[in-house]
């Protein structure tokens, strides 16, 4: 427990920051003109990790997920830092 907060709180803060940064990076990449390929690649390009299909099947219950994917770009880490700084202020 850091600063009296639960582990779930810190995981939520980290995921929220990463999601915010990724969405911001994709938005900036979409707004940039087609002529700036390097900047578009910098903001919206990244690594994507996926797992799937996942599923289990027992006689009374069947569950299947087609794919779980995570996309990480440079703005993901910037969003994580921004949420950390905002947490320090509030």
PDB file of N, CA and C in Angstrom:
ATOM      1  N   UNK A   1       0.830  -1.176   0.000  1.00  0.00           N
ATOM      2  CA  UNK A   1       0.000   0.000   0.000  1.00  0.00           C
ATOM      3  C   UNK A   1       0.879   1.246   0.000  1.00  0.00           C
ATOM      4  N   UNK A   2       0.748   2.043  -1.024  1.00  0.00           N
ATOM      5  CA  UNK A   2       1.490   3.277  -1.126  1.00  0.00           C
ATOM      6  C   UNK A   2       0.595   4.433  -0.718  1.00  0.00           C
ATOM      7  N   UNK A   3       1.050   5.216   0.235  1.00  0.00           N
ATOM      8  CA  UNK A   3       0.325   6.386   0.730  1.00  0.00           C
ATOM      9  C   UNK A   3      -1.083   6.047   1.195  1.00  0.00           C
ATOM     10  N   UNK A   4      -1.264   4.892   1.756  1.00  0.00           N
ATOM     11  CA  UNK A   4      -2.567   4.500   2.264  1.00  0.00           C
ATOM     12  C   UNK A   4      -3.579   4.114   1.202  1.00  0.00           C
ATOM     13  N   UNK A   5      -3.183   3.997  -0.020  1.00  0.00           N
ATOM     14  CA  UNK A   5      -4.092   3.620  -1.104  1.00  0.00           C
ATOM     15  C   UNK A   5      -3.939   2.145  -1.417  1.00  0.00           C
ATOM     16  N   UNK A   6      -5.036   1.555  -1.878  1.00  0.00           N
ATOM     17  CA  UNK A   6      -5.002   0.134  -2.202  1.00  0.00           C
ATOM     18  C   UNK A   6      -4.290  -0.096  -3.530  1.00  0.00           C
ATOM     19  N   UNK A   7      -3.931  -1.328  -3.757  1.00  0.00           N
ATOM     20  CA  UNK A   7      -3.280  -1.695  -5.004  1.00  0.00           C
ATOM     21  C   UNK A   7      -4.212  -1.482  -6.192  1.00  0.00           C
ATOM     22  N   UNK A   8      -5.491  -1.736  -6.010  1.00  0.00           N
ATOM     23  CA  UNK A   8      -6.468  -1.534  -7.072  1.00  0.00           C
ATOM     24  C   UNK A   8      -6.523  -0.083  -7.529  1.00  0.00           C
ATOM     25  N   UNK A   9      -6.382   0.845  -6.600  1.00  0.00           N
ATOM     26  CA  UNK A   9      -6.373   2.256  -6.946  1.00  0.00           C
ATOM     27  C   UNK A   9      -5.193   2.579  -7.850  1.00  0.00           C
ATOM     28  N   UNK A  10      -4.021   2.069  -7.516  1.00  0.00           N
ATOM     29  CA  UNK A  10      -2.827   2.344  -8.314  1.00  0.00           C
ATOM     30  C   UNK A  10      -2.904   1.694  -9.683  1.00  0.00           C
ATOM     31  N   UNK A  11      -3.494   0.524  -9.761  1.00  0.00           N
ATOM     32  CA  UNK A  11      -3.679  -0.127 -11.060  1.00  0.00           C
ATOM     33  C   UNK A  11      -4.653   0.691 -11.904  1.00  0.00           C
ATOM     34  N   UNK A  12      -5.727   1.188 -11.290  1.00  0.00           N
ATOM     35  CA  UNK A  12      -6.684   2.022 -12.007  1.00  0.00           C
ATOM     36  C   UNK A  12      -6.033   3.298 -12.526  1.00  0.00           C
ATOM     37  N   UNK A  13      -5.233   3.952 -11.706  1.00  0.00           N
ATOM     38  CA  UNK A  13      -4.537   5.176 -12.111  1.00  0.00           C
ATOM     39  C   UNK A  13      -3.604   4.881 -13.293  1.00  0.00           C
ATOM     40  N   UNK A  14      -2.872   3.784 -13.228  1.00  0.00           N
ATOM     41  CA  UNK A  14      -1.948   3.434 -14.306  1.00  0.00           C
ATOM     42  C   UNK A  14      -2.695   3.141 -15.599  1.00  0.00           C
ATOM     43  N   UNK A  15      -3.761   2.382 -15.540  1.00  0.00           N
ATOM     44  CA  UNK A  15      -4.535   2.041 -16.742  1.00  0.00           C
ATOM     45  C   UNK A  15      -5.211   3.285 -17.307  1.00  0.00           C
ATOM     46  N   UNK A  16      -5.743   4.139 -16.441  1.00  0.00           N
ATOM     47  CA  UNK A  16      -6.386   5.376 -16.913  1.00  0.00           C
ATOM     48  C   UNK A  16      -5.375   6.277 -17.621  1.00  0.00           C
ATOM     49  N   UNK A  17      -4.184   6.393 -17.079  1.00  0.00           N
ATOM     50  CA  UNK A  17      -3.153   7.210 -17.712  1.00  0.00           C
ATOM     51  C   UNK A  17      -2.710   6.645 -19.043  1.00  0.00           C
ATOM     52  N   UNK A  18      -2.562   5.342 -19.112  1.00  0.00           N
ATOM     53  CA  UNK A  18      -2.143   4.713 -20.359  1.00  0.00           C
ATOM     54  C   UNK A  18      -3.226   4.841 -21.431  1.00  0.00           C
ATOM     55  N   UNK A  19      -4.479   4.678 -21.043  1.00  0.00           N
ATOM     56  CA  UNK A  19      -5.571   4.817 -22.005  1.00  0.00           C
ATOM     57  C   UNK A  19      -5.685   6.253 -22.495  1.00  0.00           C
ATOM     58  N   UNK A  20      -5.548   7.212 -21.588  1.00  0.00           N
ATOM     59  CA  UNK A  20      -5.623   8.616 -21.964  1.00  0.00           C
ATOM     60  C   UNK A  20      -4.509   8.977 -22.932  1.00  0.00           C
ATOM     61  N   UNK A  21      -3.303   8.552 -22.648  1.00  0.00           N
ATOM     62  CA  UNK A  21      -2.178   8.838 -23.526  1.00  0.00           C
ATOM     63  C   UNK A  21      -2.321   8.207 -24.894  1.00  0.00           C
ATOM     64  N   UNK A  22      -2.785   6.979 -24.950  1.00  0.00           N
ATOM     65  CA  UNK A  22      -2.961   6.294 -26.227  1.00  0.00           C
ATOM     66  C   UNK A  22      -4.031   6.975 -27.068  1.00  0.00           C
ATOM     67  N   UNK A  23      -5.141   7.339 -26.447  1.00  0.00           N
ATOM     68  CA  UNK A  23      -6.207   8.031 -27.174  1.00  0.00           C
ATOM     69  C   UNK A  23      -5.712   9.383 -27.672  1.00  0.00           C
ATOM     70  N   UNK A  24      -4.954  10.105 -26.839  1.00  0.00           N
ATOM     71  CA  UNK A  24      -4.410  11.396 -27.257  1.00  0.00           C
ATOM     72  C   UNK A  24      -3.441  11.227 -28.425  1.00  0.00           C
ATOM     73  N   UNK A  25      -2.595  10.225 -28.367  1.00  0.00           N
ATOM     74  CA  UNK A  25      -1.661   9.967 -29.463  1.00  0.00           C
ATOM     75  C   UNK A  25      -2.371   9.634 -30.759  1.00  0.00           C
ATOM     76  N   UNK A  26      -3.411   8.825 -30.694  1.00  0.00           N
ATOM     77  CA  UNK A  26      -4.185   8.492 -31.886  1.00  0.00           C
ATOM     78  C   UNK A  26      -4.891   9.725 -32.433  1.00  0.00           C
ATOM     79  N   UNK A  27      -5.401  10.587 -31.553  1.00  0.00           N
ATOM     80  CA  UNK A  27      -6.080  11.800 -31.989  1.00  0.00           C
ATOM     81  C   UNK A  27      -5.104  12.754 -32.677  1.00  0.00           C
ATOM     82  N   UNK A  28      -3.925  12.923 -32.106  1.00  0.00           N
ATOM     83  CA  UNK A  28      -2.920  13.788 -32.721  1.00  0.00           C
ATOM     84  C   UNK A  28      -2.499  13.212 -34.070  1.00  0.00           C
ATOM     85  N   UNK A  29      -2.330  11.908 -34.148  1.00  0.00           N
ATOM     86  CA  UNK A  29      -1.961  11.274 -35.407  1.00  0.00           C
ATOM     87  C   UNK A  29      -3.030  11.429 -36.480  1.00  0.00           C
ATOM     88  N   UNK A  30      -4.293  11.449 -36.075  1.00  0.00           N
ATOM     89  CA  UNK A  30      -5.384  11.607 -37.040  1.00  0.00           C
ATOM     90  C   UNK A  30      -5.496  13.045 -37.538  1.00  0.00           C
ATOM     91  N   UNK A  31      -5.116  14.007 -36.712  1.00  0.00           N
ATOM     92  CA  UNK A  31      -5.232  15.417 -37.083  1.00  0.00           C
ATOM     93  C   UNK A  31      -4.088  15.868 -37.983  1.00  0.00           C
ATOM     94  N   UNK A  32      -2.933  15.245 -37.847  1.00  0.00           N
ATOM     95  CA  UNK A  32      -1.773  15.652 -38.644  1.00  0.00           C
ATOM     96  C   UNK A  32      -2.027  15.419 -40.134  1.00  0.00           C
ATOM     97  N   UNK A  33      -1.478  16.287 -40.979  1.00  0.00           N
ATOM     98  CA  UNK A  33      -1.678  16.106 -42.428  1.00  0.00           C
ATOM     99  C   UNK A  33      -0.937  14.874 -42.949  1.00  0.00           C
ATOM    100  N   UNK A  34      -1.343  14.417 -44.120  1.00  0.00           N
ATOM    101  CA  UNK A  34      -0.747  13.225 -44.721  1.00  0.00           C
ATOM    102  C   UNK A  34       0.720  13.423 -45.084  1.00  0.00           C
ATOM    103  N   UNK A  35       1.150  14.666 -45.255  1.00  0.00           N
ATOM    104  CA  UNK A  35       2.538  14.924 -45.652  1.00  0.00           C
ATOM    105  C   UNK A  35       3.530  14.707 -44.517  1.00  0.00           C
ATOM    106  N   UNK A  36       3.079  14.728 -43.279  1.00  0.00           N
ATOM    107  CA  UNK A  36       3.993  14.548 -42.144  1.00  0.00           C
ATOM    108  C   UNK A  36       3.936  13.103 -41.653  1.00  0.00           C
ATOM    109  N   UNK A  37       4.503  12.228 -42.423  1.00  0.00           N
ATOM    110  CA  UNK A  37       4.465  10.796 -42.117  1.00  0.00           C
ATOM    111  C   UNK A  37       5.276  10.480 -40.860  1.00  0.00           C
ATOM    112  N   UNK A  38       6.408  11.132 -40.690  1.00  0.00           N
ATOM    113  CA  UNK A  38       7.262  10.854 -39.529  1.00  0.00           C
ATOM    114  C   UNK A  38       6.562  11.229 -38.224  1.00  0.00           C
ATOM    115  N   UNK A  39       5.940  12.387 -38.182  1.00  0.00           N
ATOM    116  CA  UNK A  39       5.223  12.792 -36.966  1.00  0.00           C
ATOM    117  C   UNK A  39       4.019  11.900 -36.704  1.00  0.00           C
ATOM    118  N   UNK A  40       3.323  11.548 -37.763  1.00  0.00           N
ATOM    119  CA  UNK A  40       2.162  10.666 -37.608  1.00  0.00           C
ATOM    120  C   UNK A  40       2.599   9.306 -37.054  1.00  0.00           C
ATOM    121  N   UNK A  41       3.707   8.791 -37.561  1.00  0.00           N
ATOM    122  CA  UNK A  41       4.230   7.515 -37.068  1.00  0.00           C
ATOM    123  C   UNK A  41       4.695   7.633 -35.620  1.00  0.00           C
ATOM    124  N   UNK A  42       5.281   8.776 -35.267  1.00  0.00           N
ATOM    125  CA  UNK A  42       5.759   8.984 -33.898  1.00  0.00           C
ATOM    126  C   UNK A  42       4.602   8.988 -32.907  1.00  0.00           C
ATOM    127  N   UNK A  43       3.520   9.709 -33.220  1.00  0.00           N
ATOM    128  CA  UNK A  43       2.412   9.826 -32.282  1.00  0.00           C
ATOM    129  C   UNK A  43       1.491   8.616 -32.274  1.00  0.00           C
ATOM    130  N   UNK A  44       1.166   8.090 -33.441  1.00  0.00           N
ATOM    131  CA  UNK A  44       0.168   7.024 -33.470  1.00  0.00           C
ATOM    132  C   UNK A  44       0.751   5.638 -33.715  1.00  0.00           C
ATOM    133  N   UNK A  45       1.999   5.553 -34.127  1.00  0.00           N
ATOM    134  CA  UNK A  45       2.603   4.236 -34.331  1.00  0.00           C
ATOM    135  C   UNK A  45       3.034   3.639 -33.011  1.00  0.00           C
ATOM    136  N   UNK A  46       3.098   2.357 -32.953  1.00  0.00           N
ATOM    137  CA  UNK A  46       3.509   1.721 -31.715  1.00  0.00           C
ATOM    138  C   UNK A  46       3.494   0.220 -31.845  1.00  0.00           C
ATOM    139  N   UNK A  47       3.531  -0.405 -30.710  1.00  0.00           N
ATOM    140  CA  UNK A  47       3.520  -1.864 -30.664  1.00  0.00           C
ATOM    141  C   UNK A  47       2.141  -2.338 -30.234  1.00  0.00           C
ATOM    142  N   UNK A  48       1.705  -3.418 -30.825  1.00  0.00           N
ATOM    143  CA  UNK A  48       0.417  -3.993 -30.466  1.00  0.00           C
ATOM    144  C   UNK A  48       0.628  -5.452 -30.084  1.00  0.00           C
ATOM    145  N   UNK A  49       0.108  -5.808 -28.937  1.00  0.00           N
ATOM    146  CA  UNK A  49       0.202  -7.166 -28.431  1.00  0.00           C
ATOM    147  C   UNK A  49      -1.201  -7.744 -28.364  1.00  0.00           C
ATOM    148  N   UNK A  50      -1.362  -8.961 -28.860  1.00  0.00           N
ATOM    149  CA  UNK A  50      -2.691  -9.559 -28.832  1.00  0.00           C
ATOM    150  C   UNK A  50      -2.603 -11.031 -28.454  1.00  0.00           C
ATOM    151  N   UNK A  51      -3.670 -11.477 -27.845  1.00  0.00           N
ATOM    152  CA  UNK A  51      -3.821 -12.868 -27.444  1.00  0.00           C
ATOM    153  C   UNK A  51      -5.216 -13.297 -27.876  1.00  0.00           C
ATOM    154  N   UNK A  52      -5.306 -14.436 -28.485  1.00  0.00           N
ATOM    155  CA  UNK A  52      -6.638 -14.893 -28.825  1.00  0.00           C
ATOM    156  C   UNK A  52      -6.584 -15.943 -29.916  1.00  0.00           C
ATOM    157  N   UNK A  53      -7.600 -16.617 -30.159  1.00  0.00           N
ATOM    158  CA  UNK A  53      -8.835 -16.636 -29.380  1.00  0.00           C
ATOM    159  C   UNK A  53      -8.691 -17.429 -28.081  1.00  0.00           C
ATOM    160  N   UNK A  54      -9.365 -16.959 -27.076  1.00  0.00           N
ATOM    161  CA  UNK A  54      -9.362 -17.620 -25.772  1.00  0.00           C
ATOM    162  C   UNK A  54     -10.767 -18.145 -25.487  1.00  0.00           C
ATOM    163  N   UNK A  55     -10.833 -19.246 -24.832  1.00  0.00           N
ATOM    164  CA  UNK A  55     -12.140 -19.750 -24.482  1.00  0.00           C
ATOM    165  C   UNK A  55     -12.062 -21.017 -23.669  1.00  0.00           C
ATOM    166  N   UNK A  56     -13.169 -21.313 -23.033  1.00  0.00           N
ATOM    167  CA  UNK A  56     -13.290 -22.600 -22.370  1.00  0.00           C
ATOM    168  C   UNK A  56     -14.704 -23.110 -22.569  1.00  0.00           C
ATOM    169  N   UNK A  57     -14.831 -24.395 -22.493  1.00  0.00           N
ATOM    170  CA  UNK A  57     -16.116 -25.017 -22.764  1.00  0.00           C
ATOM    171  C   UNK A  57     -16.315 -26.150 -21.769  1.00  0.00           C
ATOM    172  N   UNK A  58     -17.290 -25.977 -20.907  1.00  0.00           N
ATOM    173  CA  UNK A  58     -17.719 -27.090 -20.056  1.00  0.00           C
ATOM    174  C   UNK A  58     -19.160 -27.403 -20.459  1.00  0.00           C
ATOM    175  N   UNK A  59     -19.709 -28.430 -19.942  1.00  0.00           N
ATOM    176  CA  UNK A  59     -21.001 -28.889 -20.434  1.00  0.00           C
ATOM    177  C   UNK A  59     -22.120 -27.871 -20.260  1.00  0.00           C
ATOM    178  N   UNK A  60     -22.085 -27.089 -19.197  1.00  0.00           N
ATOM    179  CA  UNK A  60     -23.188 -26.156 -18.963  1.00  0.00           C
ATOM    180  C   UNK A  60     -22.849 -24.710 -19.308  1.00  0.00           C
ATOM    181  N   UNK A  61     -21.578 -24.426 -19.604  1.00  0.00           N
ATOM    182  CA  UNK A  61     -21.178 -23.051 -19.875  1.00  0.00           C
ATOM    183  C   UNK A  61     -20.099 -23.020 -20.945  1.00  0.00           C
ATOM    184  N   UNK A  62     -20.280 -22.164 -21.914  1.00  0.00           N
ATOM    185  CA  UNK A  62     -19.276 -21.976 -22.944  1.00  0.00           C
ATOM    186  C   UNK A  62     -18.947 -20.483 -23.006  1.00  0.00           C
ATOM    187  N   UNK A  63     -17.666 -20.173 -23.038  1.00  0.00           N
ATOM    188  CA  UNK A  63     -17.210 -18.783 -23.040  1.00  0.00           C
ATOM    189  C   UNK A  63     -16.057 -18.657 -24.009  1.00  0.00           C
ATOM    190  N   UNK A  64     -16.113 -17.630 -24.860  1.00  0.00           N
ATOM    191  CA  UNK A  64     -15.038 -17.441 -25.822  1.00  0.00           C
ATOM    192  C   UNK A  64     -14.832 -15.955 -26.075  1.00  0.00           C
ATOM    193  N   UNK A  65     -13.577 -15.559 -26.106  1.00  0.00           N
ATOM    194  CA  UNK A  65     -13.181 -14.202 -26.457  1.00  0.00           C
ATOM    195  C   UNK A  65     -12.388 -14.300 -27.752  1.00  0.00           C
ATOM    196  N   UNK A  66     -12.776 -13.525 -28.742  1.00  0.00           N
ATOM    197  CA  UNK A  66     -12.110 -13.610 -30.036  1.00  0.00           C
ATOM    198  C   UNK A  66     -10.661 -13.136 -29.947  1.00  0.00           C
ATOM    199  N   UNK A  67     -10.433 -11.977 -29.312  1.00  0.00           N
ATOM    200  CA  UNK A  67      -9.073 -11.458 -29.231  1.00  0.00           C
ATOM    201  C   UNK A  67      -9.014 -10.386 -28.149  1.00  0.00           C
ATOM    202  N   UNK A  68      -7.913 -10.361 -27.444  1.00  0.00           N
ATOM    203  CA  UNK A  68      -7.612  -9.296 -26.493  1.00  0.00           C
ATOM    204  C   UNK A  68      -6.325  -8.641 -26.977  1.00  0.00           C
ATOM    205  N   UNK A  69      -6.372  -7.326 -27.204  1.00  0.00           N
ATOM    206  CA  UNK A  69      -5.203  -6.633 -27.747  1.00  0.00           C
ATOM    207  C   UNK A  69      -4.899  -5.396 -26.919  1.00  0.00           C
ATOM    208  N   UNK A  70      -3.633  -5.061 -26.824  1.00  0.00           N
ATOM    209  CA  UNK A  70      -3.159  -3.858 -26.145  1.00  0.00           C
ATOM    210  C   UNK A  70      -2.250  -3.121 -27.116  1.00  0.00           C
ATOM    211  N   UNK A  71      -2.512  -1.840 -27.316  1.00  0.00           N
ATOM    212  CA  UNK A  71      -1.667  -1.024 -28.186  1.00  0.00           C
ATOM    213  C   UNK A  71      -0.935  -0.001 -27.327  1.00  0.00           C
ATOM    214  N   UNK A  72       0.373   0.038 -27.482  1.00  0.00           N
ATOM    215  CA  UNK A  72       1.206   0.950 -26.706  1.00  0.00           C
ATOM    216  C   UNK A  72       1.992   1.813 -27.678  1.00  0.00           C
ATOM    217  N   UNK A  73       1.914   3.136 -27.486  1.00  0.00           N
ATOM    218  CA  UNK A  73       2.733   4.050 -28.275  1.00  0.00           C
ATOM    219  C   UNK A  73       3.454   5.000 -27.314  1.00  0.00           C
ATOM    220  N   UNK A  74       4.205   5.929 -27.842  1.00  0.00           N
ATOM    221  CA  UNK A  74       4.994   6.825 -27.001  1.00  0.00           C
ATOM    222  C   UNK A  74       4.094   7.698 -26.118  1.00  0.00           C
ATOM    223  N   UNK A  75       2.928   8.044 -26.600  1.00  0.00           N
ATOM    224  CA  UNK A  75       2.017   8.874 -25.826  1.00  0.00           C
ATOM    225  C   UNK A  75       1.382   8.110 -24.672  1.00  0.00           C
ATOM    226  N   UNK A  76       1.426   6.787 -24.711  1.00  0.00           N
ATOM    227  CA  UNK A  76       0.952   5.995 -23.582  1.00  0.00           C
ATOM    228  C   UNK A  76       1.744   6.332 -22.328  1.00  0.00           C
ATOM    229  N   UNK A  77       3.045   6.416 -22.488  1.00  0.00           N
ATOM    230  CA  UNK A  77       3.895   6.731 -21.334  1.00  0.00           C
ATOM    231  C   UNK A  77       3.750   8.186 -20.918  1.00  0.00           C
ATOM    232  N   UNK A  78       3.508   9.086 -21.878  1.00  0.00           N
ATOM    233  CA  UNK A  78       3.267  10.489 -21.544  1.00  0.00           C
ATOM    234  C   UNK A  78       1.967  10.630 -20.750  1.00  0.00           C
ATOM    235  N   UNK A  79       0.950   9.886 -21.110  1.00  0.00           N
ATOM    236  CA  UNK A  79      -0.308   9.902 -20.353  1.00  0.00           C
ATOM    237  C   UNK A  79      -0.134   9.347 -18.960  1.00  0.00           C
ATOM    238  N   UNK A  80       0.679   8.328 -18.823  1.00  0.00           N
ATOM    239  CA  UNK A  80       0.957   7.760 -17.513  1.00  0.00           C
ATOM    240  C   UNK A  80       1.667   8.784 -16.629  1.00  0.00           C
ATOM    241  N   UNK A  81       2.623   9.497 -17.196  1.00  0.00           N
ATOM    242  CA  UNK A  81       3.312  10.549 -16.443  1.00  0.00           C
ATOM    243  C   UNK A  81       2.375  11.699 -16.094  1.00  0.00           C
ATOM    244  N   UNK A  82       1.502  12.082 -17.029  1.00  0.00           N
ATOM    245  CA  UNK A  82       0.569  13.184 -16.778  1.00  0.00           C
ATOM    246  C   UNK A  82      -0.395  12.859 -15.642  1.00  0.00           C
ATOM    247  N   UNK A  83      -0.912  11.653 -15.607  1.00  0.00           N
ATOM    248  CA  UNK A  83      -1.815  11.264 -14.533  1.00  0.00           C
ATOM    249  C   UNK A  83      -1.063  11.221 -13.202  1.00  0.00           C
ATOM    250  N   UNK A  84       0.189  10.784 -13.227  1.00  0.00           N
ATOM    251  CA  UNK A  84       0.995  10.800 -12.006  1.00  0.00           C
ATOM    252  C   UNK A  84       1.214  12.206 -11.476  1.00  0.00           C
ATOM    253  N   UNK A  85       1.488  13.141 -12.371  1.00  0.00           N
ATOM    254  CA  UNK A  85       1.687  14.545 -11.958  1.00  0.00           C
ATOM    255  C   UNK A  85       0.381  15.131 -11.436  1.00  0.00           C
ATOM    256  N   UNK A  86      -0.724  14.850 -12.115  1.00  0.00           N
ATOM    257  CA  UNK A  86      -2.017  15.337 -11.637  1.00  0.00           C
ATOM    258  C   UNK A  86      -2.361  14.769 -10.275  1.00  0.00           C
ATOM    259  N   UNK A  87      -2.021  13.520 -10.036  1.00  0.00           N
ATOM    260  CA  UNK A  87      -2.271  12.927  -8.727  1.00  0.00           C
ATOM    261  C   UNK A  87      -1.482  13.644  -7.645  1.00  0.00           C
ATOM    262  N   UNK A  88      -0.245  14.027  -7.940  1.00  0.00           N
ATOM    263  CA  UNK A  88       0.567  14.746  -6.960  1.00  0.00           C
ATOM    264  C   UNK A  88      -0.042  16.098  -6.616  1.00  0.00           C
ATOM    265  N   UNK A  89      -0.657  16.773  -7.620  1.00  0.00           N
ATOM    266  CA  UNK A  89      -1.245  18.074  -7.373  1.00  0.00           C
ATOM    267  C   UNK A  89      -2.529  17.974  -6.561  1.00  0.00           C
ATOM    268  N   UNK A  90      -3.289  16.921  -6.772  1.00  0.00           N
ATOM    269  CA  UNK A  90      -4.570  16.789  -6.080  1.00  0.00           C
ATOM    270  C   UNK A  90      -4.447  15.705  -5.093  1.00  0.00           C
TER     271      UNK A  90
END
